[in-house]
Amino acid sequence: MNRYEPEAPRALFATAAFALSAITLGVLVVIPAHFDSGFAPATTLTSAPAAPAAPIEIAISPARIDVIGVPVPDVAWALGNVSRPCKPSA
């Protein structure tokens, strides 16, 4: 029985898959992480770092919130006060 042999060698497909994976990783992960690193480039050596912003104090009224929850049964046998269907009158 003859075995199927593809025209392109496996090494070519493996190299192409590796290259496409590296390009995808670079475009979708590495480049955005580089641009959004949070560090601004230094413009001059004599510039002083900016002072951190002071925290803002706020008052919450009411200072306490009570949440009361009652579980609702979701199965037929646990429902207590369910109206029963009327019996047909004969």
PDB file of N, CA and C in Angstrom:
ATOM      1  N   MET A   1       0.841  -1.165   0.000  1.00  0.00           N
ATOM      2  CA  MET A   1       0.000   0.000   0.000  1.00  0.00           C
ATOM      3  C   MET A   1       0.894   1.239   0.000  1.00  0.00           C
ATOM      4  N   ASN A   2       0.556   2.208  -0.809  1.00  0.00           N
ATOM      5  CA  ASN A   2       1.327   3.437  -0.893  1.00  0.00           C
ATOM      6  C   ASN A   2       0.892   4.410   0.208  1.00  0.00           C
ATOM      7  N   ARG A   3       1.858   5.057   0.810  1.00  0.00           N
ATOM      8  CA  ARG A   3       1.559   6.055   1.851  1.00  0.00           C
ATOM      9  C   ARG A   3       1.441   7.426   1.209  1.00  0.00           C
ATOM     10  N   TYR A   4       0.580   8.254   1.786  1.00  0.00           N
ATOM     11  CA  TYR A   4       0.406   9.621   1.273  1.00  0.00           C
ATOM     12  C   TYR A   4       1.568  10.480   1.734  1.00  0.00           C
ATOM     13  N   GLU A   5       2.204  11.136   0.857  1.00  0.00           N
ATOM     14  CA  GLU A   5       3.298  12.047   1.154  1.00  0.00           C
ATOM     15  C   GLU A   5       2.918  13.438   0.673  1.00  0.00           C
ATOM     16  N   PRO A   6       2.801  14.397   1.572  1.00  0.00           N
ATOM     17  CA  PRO A   6       2.418  15.746   1.140  1.00  0.00           C
ATOM     18  C   PRO A   6       3.525  16.379   0.301  1.00  0.00           C
ATOM     19  N   GLU A   7       3.136  17.328  -0.526  1.00  0.00           N
ATOM     20  CA  GLU A   7       4.094  17.996  -1.402  1.00  0.00           C
ATOM     21  C   GLU A   7       5.069  18.854  -0.594  1.00  0.00           C
ATOM     22  N   ALA A   8       4.570  19.613   0.360  1.00  0.00           N
ATOM     23  CA  ALA A   8       5.434  20.490   1.158  1.00  0.00           C
ATOM     24  C   ALA A   8       5.995  19.694   2.340  1.00  0.00           C
ATOM     25  N   PRO A   9       7.237  19.897   2.665  1.00  0.00           N
ATOM     26  CA  PRO A   9       7.819  19.161   3.794  1.00  0.00           C
ATOM     27  C   PRO A   9       7.276  19.664   5.138  1.00  0.00           C
ATOM     28  N   ARG A  10       7.326  18.802   6.134  1.00  0.00           N
ATOM     29  CA  ARG A  10       6.821  19.151   7.463  1.00  0.00           C
ATOM     30  C   ARG A  10       7.629  20.272   8.099  1.00  0.00           C
ATOM     31  N   ALA A  11       8.910  20.337   7.818  1.00  0.00           N
ATOM     32  CA  ALA A  11       9.735  21.389   8.403  1.00  0.00           C
ATOM     33  C   ALA A  11       9.276  22.768   7.942  1.00  0.00           C
ATOM     34  N   LEU A  12       8.828  22.868   6.709  1.00  0.00           N
ATOM     35  CA  LEU A  12       8.337  24.151   6.196  1.00  0.00           C
ATOM     36  C   LEU A  12       7.077  24.570   6.947  1.00  0.00           C
ATOM     37  N   PHE A  13       6.159  23.640   7.168  1.00  0.00           N
ATOM     38  CA  PHE A  13       4.950  23.953   7.929  1.00  0.00           C
ATOM     39  C   PHE A  13       5.285  24.310   9.375  1.00  0.00           C
ATOM     40  N   ALA A  14       6.216  23.605   9.982  1.00  0.00           N
ATOM     41  CA  ALA A  14       6.598  23.895  11.363  1.00  0.00           C
ATOM     42  C   ALA A  14       7.232  25.277  11.469  1.00  0.00           C
ATOM     43  N   THR A  15       8.076  25.638  10.525  1.00  0.00           N
ATOM     44  CA  THR A  15       8.710  26.950  10.527  1.00  0.00           C
ATOM     45  C   THR A  15       7.674  28.046  10.322  1.00  0.00           C
ATOM     46  N   ALA A  16       6.740  27.838   9.411  1.00  0.00           N
ATOM     47  CA  ALA A  16       5.688  28.823   9.173  1.00  0.00           C
ATOM     48  C   ALA A  16       4.790  28.974  10.396  1.00  0.00           C
ATOM     49  N   ALA A  17       4.452  27.876  11.058  1.00  0.00           N
ATOM     50  CA  ALA A  17       3.618  27.945  12.254  1.00  0.00           C
ATOM     51  C   ALA A  17       4.329  28.684  13.376  1.00  0.00           C
ATOM     52  N   PHE A  18       5.603  28.423  13.556  1.00  0.00           N
ATOM     53  CA  PHE A  18       6.376  29.120  14.581  1.00  0.00           C
ATOM     54  C   PHE A  18       6.462  30.607  14.287  1.00  0.00           C
ATOM     55  N   ALA A  19       6.691  30.967  13.042  1.00  0.00           N
ATOM     56  CA  ALA A  19       6.800  32.375  12.662  1.00  0.00           C
ATOM     57  C   ALA A  19       5.470  33.097  12.857  1.00  0.00           C
ATOM     58  N   LEU A  20       4.378  32.488  12.458  1.00  0.00           N
ATOM     59  CA  LEU A  20       3.074  33.113  12.639  1.00  0.00           C
ATOM     60  C   LEU A  20       2.706  33.232  14.118  1.00  0.00           C
ATOM     61  N   SER A  21       3.084  32.246  14.920  1.00  0.00           N
ATOM     62  CA  SER A  21       2.832  32.329  16.362  1.00  0.00           C
ATOM     63  C   SER A  21       3.628  33.462  16.991  1.00  0.00           C
ATOM     64  N   ALA A  22       4.871  33.609  16.599  1.00  0.00           N
ATOM     65  CA  ALA A  22       5.704  34.681  17.136  1.00  0.00           C
ATOM     66  C   ALA A  22       5.176  36.049  16.718  1.00  0.00           C
ATOM     67  N   ILE A  23       4.730  36.182  15.484  1.00  0.00           N
ATOM     68  CA  ILE A  23       4.167  37.453  15.017  1.00  0.00           C
ATOM     69  C   ILE A  23       2.886  37.779  15.782  1.00  0.00           C
ATOM     70  N   THR A  24       2.020  36.793  15.960  1.00  0.00           N
ATOM     71  CA  THR A  24       0.765  37.009  16.685  1.00  0.00           C
ATOM     72  C   THR A  24       1.039  37.404  18.130  1.00  0.00           C
ATOM     73  N   LEU A  25       1.932  36.718  18.798  1.00  0.00           N
ATOM     74  CA  LEU A  25       2.275  37.043  20.177  1.00  0.00           C
ATOM     75  C   LEU A  25       2.859  38.439  20.275  1.00  0.00           C
ATOM     76  N   GLY A  26       3.724  38.795  19.354  1.00  0.00           N
ATOM     77  CA  GLY A  26       4.326  40.120  19.376  1.00  0.00           C
ATOM     78  C   GLY A  26       3.324  41.224  19.148  1.00  0.00           C
ATOM     79  N   VAL A  27       2.414  41.024  18.199  1.00  0.00           N
ATOM     80  CA  VAL A  27       1.454  42.069  17.860  1.00  0.00           C
ATOM     81  C   VAL A  27       0.383  42.218  18.939  1.00  0.00           C
ATOM     82  N   LEU A  28      -0.087  41.123  19.500  1.00  0.00           N
ATOM     83  CA  LEU A  28      -1.205  41.187  20.440  1.00  0.00           C
ATOM     84  C   LEU A  28      -0.801  41.295  21.901  1.00  0.00           C
ATOM     85  N   VAL A  29       0.444  40.978  22.262  1.00  0.00           N
ATOM     86  CA  VAL A  29       0.848  41.002  23.665  1.00  0.00           C
ATOM     87  C   VAL A  29       2.027  41.933  23.907  1.00  0.00           C
ATOM     88  N   VAL A  30       3.107  41.735  23.220  1.00  0.00           N
ATOM     89  CA  VAL A  30       4.343  42.445  23.522  1.00  0.00           C
ATOM     90  C   VAL A  30       4.251  43.925  23.170  1.00  0.00           C
ATOM     91  N   ILE A  31       3.786  44.255  21.986  1.00  0.00           N
ATOM     92  CA  ILE A  31       3.723  45.661  21.571  1.00  0.00           C
ATOM     93  C   ILE A  31       2.743  46.458  22.430  1.00  0.00           C
ATOM     94  N   PRO A  32       1.507  45.989  22.701  1.00  0.00           N
ATOM     95  CA  PRO A  32       0.634  46.763  23.587  1.00  0.00           C
ATOM     96  C   PRO A  32       1.206  46.902  24.999  1.00  0.00           C
ATOM     97  N   ALA A  33       1.865  45.891  25.510  1.00  0.00           N
ATOM     98  CA  ALA A  33       2.461  45.987  26.843  1.00  0.00           C
ATOM     99  C   ALA A  33       3.592  46.999  26.857  1.00  0.00           C
ATOM    100  N   HIS A  34       4.328  47.095  25.775  1.00  0.00           N
ATOM    101  CA  HIS A  34       5.421  48.059  25.689  1.00  0.00           C
ATOM    102  C   HIS A  34       4.874  49.484  25.654  1.00  0.00           C
ATOM    103  N   PHE A  35       3.795  49.720  24.887  1.00  0.00           N
ATOM    104  CA  PHE A  35       3.238  51.060  24.785  1.00  0.00           C
ATOM    105  C   PHE A  35       2.492  51.482  26.038  1.00  0.00           C
ATOM    106  N   ASP A  36       1.959  50.551  26.811  1.00  0.00           N
ATOM    107  CA  ASP A  36       1.200  50.875  28.007  1.00  0.00           C
ATOM    108  C   ASP A  36       1.959  50.451  29.259  1.00  0.00           C
ATOM    109  N   SER A  37       3.251  50.713  29.298  1.00  0.00           N
ATOM    110  CA  SER A  37       4.059  50.281  30.428  1.00  0.00           C
ATOM    111  C   SER A  37       3.915  51.194  31.631  1.00  0.00           C
ATOM    112  N   GLY A  38       3.369  52.402  31.456  1.00  0.00           N
ATOM    113  CA  GLY A  38       3.149  53.301  32.576  1.00  0.00           C
ATOM    114  C   GLY A  38       4.333  54.190  32.881  1.00  0.00           C
ATOM    115  N   PHE A  39       5.395  54.078  32.147  1.00  0.00           N
ATOM    116  CA  PHE A  39       6.571  54.903  32.368  1.00  0.00           C
ATOM    117  C   PHE A  39       6.664  55.946  31.265  1.00  0.00           C
ATOM    118  N   ALA A  40       6.766  57.206  31.686  1.00  0.00           N
ATOM    119  CA  ALA A  40       6.929  58.271  30.708  1.00  0.00           C
ATOM    120  C   ALA A  40       8.417  58.460  30.456  1.00  0.00           C
ATOM    121  N   PRO A  41       8.808  58.702  29.235  1.00  0.00           N
ATOM    122  CA  PRO A  41      10.228  58.927  28.971  1.00  0.00           C
ATOM    123  C   PRO A  41      10.700  60.232  29.602  1.00  0.00           C
ATOM    124  N   ALA A  42      11.907  60.238  30.107  1.00  0.00           N
ATOM    125  CA  ALA A  42      12.460  61.431  30.738  1.00  0.00           C
ATOM    126  C   ALA A  42      12.785  62.459  29.663  1.00  0.00           C
ATOM    127  N   THR A  43      12.265  63.679  29.856  1.00  0.00           N
ATOM    128  CA  THR A  43      12.519  64.718  28.858  1.00  0.00           C
ATOM    129  C   THR A  43      13.862  65.386  29.112  1.00  0.00           C
ATOM    130  N   THR A  44      14.148  65.704  30.368  1.00  0.00           N
ATOM    131  CA  THR A  44      15.437  66.306  30.709  1.00  0.00           C
ATOM    132  C   THR A  44      15.942  65.669  31.987  1.00  0.00           C
ATOM    133  N   LEU A  45      17.177  65.816  32.262  1.00  0.00           N
ATOM    134  CA  LEU A  45      17.747  65.254  33.483  1.00  0.00           C
ATOM    135  C   LEU A  45      17.431  66.093  34.709  1.00  0.00           C
ATOM    136  N   THR A  46      17.063  67.368  34.522  1.00  0.00           N
ATOM    137  CA  THR A  46      16.821  68.254  35.660  1.00  0.00           C
ATOM    138  C   THR A  46      15.358  68.321  36.057  1.00  0.00           C
ATOM    139  N   SER A  47      14.470  67.642  35.369  1.00  0.00           N
ATOM    140  CA  SER A  47      13.058  67.732  35.728  1.00  0.00           C
ATOM    141  C   SER A  47      12.797  66.953  37.013  1.00  0.00           C
ATOM    142  N   ALA A  48      12.050  67.589  37.918  1.00  0.00           N
ATOM    143  CA  ALA A  48      11.723  66.972  39.207  1.00  0.00           C
ATOM    144  C   ALA A  48      10.488  66.083  39.039  1.00  0.00           C
ATOM    145  N   PRO A  49      10.427  64.996  39.796  1.00  0.00           N
ATOM    146  CA  PRO A  49       9.231  64.152  39.701  1.00  0.00           C
ATOM    147  C   PRO A  49       8.014  64.883  40.270  1.00  0.00           C
ATOM    148  N   ALA A  50       6.860  64.602  39.709  1.00  0.00           N
ATOM    149  CA  ALA A  50       5.625  65.239  40.151  1.00  0.00           C
ATOM    150  C   ALA A  50       5.233  64.723  41.526  1.00  0.00           C
ATOM    151  N   ALA A  51       4.651  65.623  42.340  1.00  0.00           N
ATOM    152  CA  ALA A  51       4.207  65.252  43.688  1.00  0.00           C
ATOM    153  C   ALA A  51       2.949  64.390  43.569  1.00  0.00           C
ATOM    154  N   PRO A  52       2.811  63.384  44.410  1.00  0.00           N
ATOM    155  CA  PRO A  52       1.609  62.555  44.344  1.00  0.00           C
ATOM    156  C   PRO A  52       0.382  63.343  44.788  1.00  0.00           C
ATOM    157  N   ALA A  53      -0.750  63.012  44.216  1.00  0.00           N
ATOM    158  CA  ALA A  53      -1.988  63.704  44.549  1.00  0.00           C
ATOM    159  C   ALA A  53      -2.436  63.329  45.956  1.00  0.00           C
ATOM    160  N   ALA A  54      -2.989  64.333  46.665  1.00  0.00           N
ATOM    161  CA  ALA A  54      -3.471  64.097  48.023  1.00  0.00           C
ATOM    162  C   ALA A  54      -4.786  63.328  47.962  1.00  0.00           C
ATOM    163  N   PRO A  55      -5.029  62.450  48.925  1.00  0.00           N
ATOM    164  CA  PRO A  55      -6.294  61.711  48.924  1.00  0.00           C
ATOM    165  C   PRO A  55      -7.470  62.637  49.206  1.00  0.00           C
ATOM    166  N   ILE A  56      -8.611  62.308  48.655  1.00  0.00           N
ATOM    167  CA  ILE A  56      -9.818  63.107  48.838  1.00  0.00           C
ATOM    168  C   ILE A  56     -10.660  62.440  49.910  1.00  0.00           C
ATOM    169  N   GLU A  57     -11.058  63.220  50.923  1.00  0.00           N
ATOM    170  CA  GLU A  57     -11.895  62.684  51.989  1.00  0.00           C
ATOM    171  C   GLU A  57     -13.355  62.889  51.621  1.00  0.00           C
ATOM    172  N   ILE A  58     -14.165  61.848  51.839  1.00  0.00           N
ATOM    173  CA  ILE A  58     -15.586  61.931  51.555  1.00  0.00           C
ATOM    174  C   ILE A  58     -16.361  61.405  52.750  1.00  0.00           C
ATOM    175  N   ALA A  59     -17.619  61.801  52.854  1.00  0.00           N
ATOM    176  CA  ALA A  59     -18.493  61.316  53.920  1.00  0.00           C
ATOM    177  C   ALA A  59     -19.595  60.485  53.279  1.00  0.00           C
ATOM    178  N   ILE A  60     -19.840  59.313  53.823  1.00  0.00           N
ATOM    179  CA  ILE A  60     -20.881  58.431  53.321  1.00  0.00           C
ATOM    180  C   ILE A  60     -22.050  58.504  54.291  1.00  0.00           C
ATOM    181  N   SER A  61     -23.229  58.813  53.772  1.00  0.00           N
ATOM    182  CA  SER A  61     -24.405  58.896  54.628  1.00  0.00           C
ATOM    183  C   SER A  61     -25.478  58.016  54.020  1.00  0.00           C
ATOM    184  N   PRO A  62     -25.988  57.045  54.630  1.00  0.00           N
ATOM    185  CA  PRO A  62     -25.655  56.491  55.937  1.00  0.00           C
ATOM    186  C   PRO A  62     -24.348  55.730  55.869  1.00  0.00           C
ATOM    187  N   ALA A  63     -23.692  55.672  57.000  1.00  0.00           N
ATOM    188  CA  ALA A  63     -22.395  55.025  57.041  1.00  0.00           C
ATOM    189  C   ALA A  63     -22.504  53.507  57.028  1.00  0.00           C
ATOM    190  N   ARG A  64     -23.710  52.982  57.216  1.00  0.00           N
ATOM    191  CA  ARG A  64     -23.896  51.537  57.237  1.00  0.00           C
ATOM    192  C   ARG A  64     -25.118  51.178  56.400  1.00  0.00           C
ATOM    193  N   ILE A  65     -24.994  50.171  55.587  1.00  0.00           N
ATOM    194  CA  ILE A  65     -26.102  49.713  54.757  1.00  0.00           C
ATOM    195  C   ILE A  65     -26.374  48.257  55.103  1.00  0.00           C
ATOM    196  N   ASP A  66     -27.592  47.972  55.553  1.00  0.00           N
ATOM    197  CA  ASP A  66     -27.983  46.604  55.879  1.00  0.00           C
ATOM    198  C   ASP A  66     -28.743  46.012  54.698  1.00  0.00           C
ATOM    199  N   VAL A  67     -28.309  44.852  54.259  1.00  0.00           N
ATOM    200  CA  VAL A  67     -28.967  44.154  53.165  1.00  0.00           C
ATOM    201  C   VAL A  67     -29.576  42.887  53.735  1.00  0.00           C
ATOM    202  N   ILE A  68     -30.889  42.745  53.557  1.00  0.00           N
ATOM    203  CA  ILE A  68     -31.593  41.582  54.076  1.00  0.00           C
ATOM    204  C   ILE A  68     -32.131  40.807  52.885  1.00  0.00           C
ATOM    205  N   GLY A  69     -31.768  39.543  52.813  1.00  0.00           N
ATOM    206  CA  GLY A  69     -32.217  38.714  51.714  1.00  0.00           C
ATOM    207  C   GLY A  69     -32.934  37.483  52.210  1.00  0.00           C
ATOM    208  N   VAL A  70     -33.967  37.085  51.484  1.00  0.00           N
ATOM    209  CA  VAL A  70     -34.722  35.886  51.832  1.00  0.00           C
ATOM    210  C   VAL A  70     -34.599  34.938  50.650  1.00  0.00           C
ATOM    211  N   PRO A  71     -34.122  33.711  50.878  1.00  0.00           N
ATOM    212  CA  PRO A  71     -33.999  32.779  49.755  1.00  0.00           C
ATOM    213  C   PRO A  71     -35.370  32.350  49.239  1.00  0.00           C
ATOM    214  N   VAL A  72     -35.502  32.281  47.954  1.00  0.00           N
ATOM    215  CA  VAL A  72     -36.747  31.864  47.326  1.00  0.00           C
ATOM    216  C   VAL A  72     -36.556  30.433  46.849  1.00  0.00           C
ATOM    217  N   PRO A  73     -37.408  29.520  47.285  1.00  0.00           N
ATOM    218  CA  PRO A  73     -37.258  28.136  46.826  1.00  0.00           C
ATOM    219  C   PRO A  73     -37.561  28.051  45.339  1.00  0.00           C
ATOM    220  N   ASP A  74     -36.789  27.236  44.650  1.00  0.00           N
ATOM    221  CA  ASP A  74     -36.976  27.122  43.212  1.00  0.00           C
ATOM    222  C   ASP A  74     -37.378  25.721  42.769  1.00  0.00           C
ATOM    223  N   VAL A  75     -37.837  24.921  43.703  1.00  0.00           N
ATOM    224  CA  VAL A  75     -38.327  23.588  43.344  1.00  0.00           C
ATOM    225  C   VAL A  75     -39.786  23.480  43.764  1.00  0.00           C
ATOM    226  N   ALA A  76     -40.555  22.699  43.054  1.00  0.00           N
ATOM    227  CA  ALA A  76     -41.996  22.633  43.267  1.00  0.00           C
ATOM    228  C   ALA A  76     -42.353  22.099  44.652  1.00  0.00           C
ATOM    229  N   TRP A  77     -41.630  21.127  45.159  1.00  0.00           N
ATOM    230  CA  TRP A  77     -42.001  20.534  46.440  1.00  0.00           C
ATOM    231  C   TRP A  77     -41.682  21.453  47.612  1.00  0.00           C
ATOM    232  N   ALA A  78     -40.848  22.480  47.414  1.00  0.00           N
ATOM    233  CA  ALA A  78     -40.500  23.373  48.514  1.00  0.00           C
ATOM    234  C   ALA A  78     -41.410  24.592  48.582  1.00  0.00           C
ATOM    235  N   LEU A  79     -42.246  24.796  47.594  1.00  0.00           N
ATOM    236  CA  LEU A  79     -43.144  25.948  47.600  1.00  0.00           C
ATOM    237  C   LEU A  79     -44.273  25.691  48.592  1.00  0.00           C
ATOM    238  N   GLY A  80     -44.473  26.628  49.498  1.00  0.00           N
ATOM    239  CA  GLY A  80     -45.447  26.404  50.562  1.00  0.00           C
ATOM    240  C   GLY A  80     -46.849  26.834  50.228  1.00  0.00           C
ATOM    241  N   ASN A  81     -47.058  28.086  49.932  1.00  0.00           N
ATOM    242  CA  ASN A  81     -48.405  28.620  49.757  1.00  0.00           C
ATOM    243  C   ASN A  81     -48.755  28.799  48.285  1.00  0.00           C
ATOM    244  N   VAL A  82     -48.705  27.720  47.567  1.00  0.00           N
ATOM    245  CA  VAL A  82     -49.005  27.784  46.146  1.00  0.00           C
ATOM    246  C   VAL A  82     -50.476  27.432  45.963  1.00  0.00           C
ATOM    247  N   SER A  83     -51.162  28.252  45.192  1.00  0.00           N
ATOM    248  CA  SER A  83     -52.583  27.967  44.956  1.00  0.00           C
ATOM    249  C   SER A  83     -52.701  26.726  44.075  1.00  0.00           C
ATOM    250  N   ARG A  84     -53.626  25.882  44.431  1.00  0.00           N
ATOM    251  CA  ARG A  84     -53.836  24.655  43.672  1.00  0.00           C
ATOM    252  C   ARG A  84     -54.884  24.918  42.607  1.00  0.00           C
ATOM    253  N   PRO A  85     -54.807  24.186  41.503  1.00  0.00           N
ATOM    254  CA  PRO A  85     -55.814  24.407  40.453  1.00  0.00           C
ATOM    255  C   PRO A  85     -57.195  23.992  40.937  1.00  0.00           C
ATOM    256  N   CYS A  86     -58.172  24.681  40.459  1.00  0.00           N
ATOM    257  CA  CYS A  86     -59.550  24.399  40.841  1.00  0.00           C
ATOM    258  C   CYS A  86     -60.018  23.079  40.223  1.00  0.00           C
ATOM    259  N   LYS A  87     -60.851  22.381  40.971  1.00  0.00           N
ATOM    260  CA  LYS A  87     -61.432  21.147  40.434  1.00  0.00           C
ATOM    261  C   LYS A  87     -62.592  21.523  39.527  1.00  0.00           C
ATOM    262  N   PRO A  88     -62.651  20.856  38.389  1.00  0.00           N
ATOM    263  CA  PRO A  88     -63.774  21.181  37.517  1.00  0.00           C
ATOM    264  C   PRO A  88     -65.097  20.749  38.150  1.00  0.00           C
ATOM    265  N   SER A  89     -66.086  21.595  38.033  1.00  0.00           N
ATOM    266  CA  SER A  89     -67.375  21.235  38.615  1.00  0.00           C
ATOM    267  C   SER A  89     -68.125  20.331  37.622  1.00  0.00           C
ATOM    268  N   ALA A  90     -68.759  19.310  38.179  1.00  0.00           N
ATOM    269  CA  ALA A  90     -69.447  18.334  37.334  1.00  0.00           C
ATOM    270  C   ALA A  90     -70.909  18.604  37.263  1.00  0.00           C
TER     271      ALA A  90
END
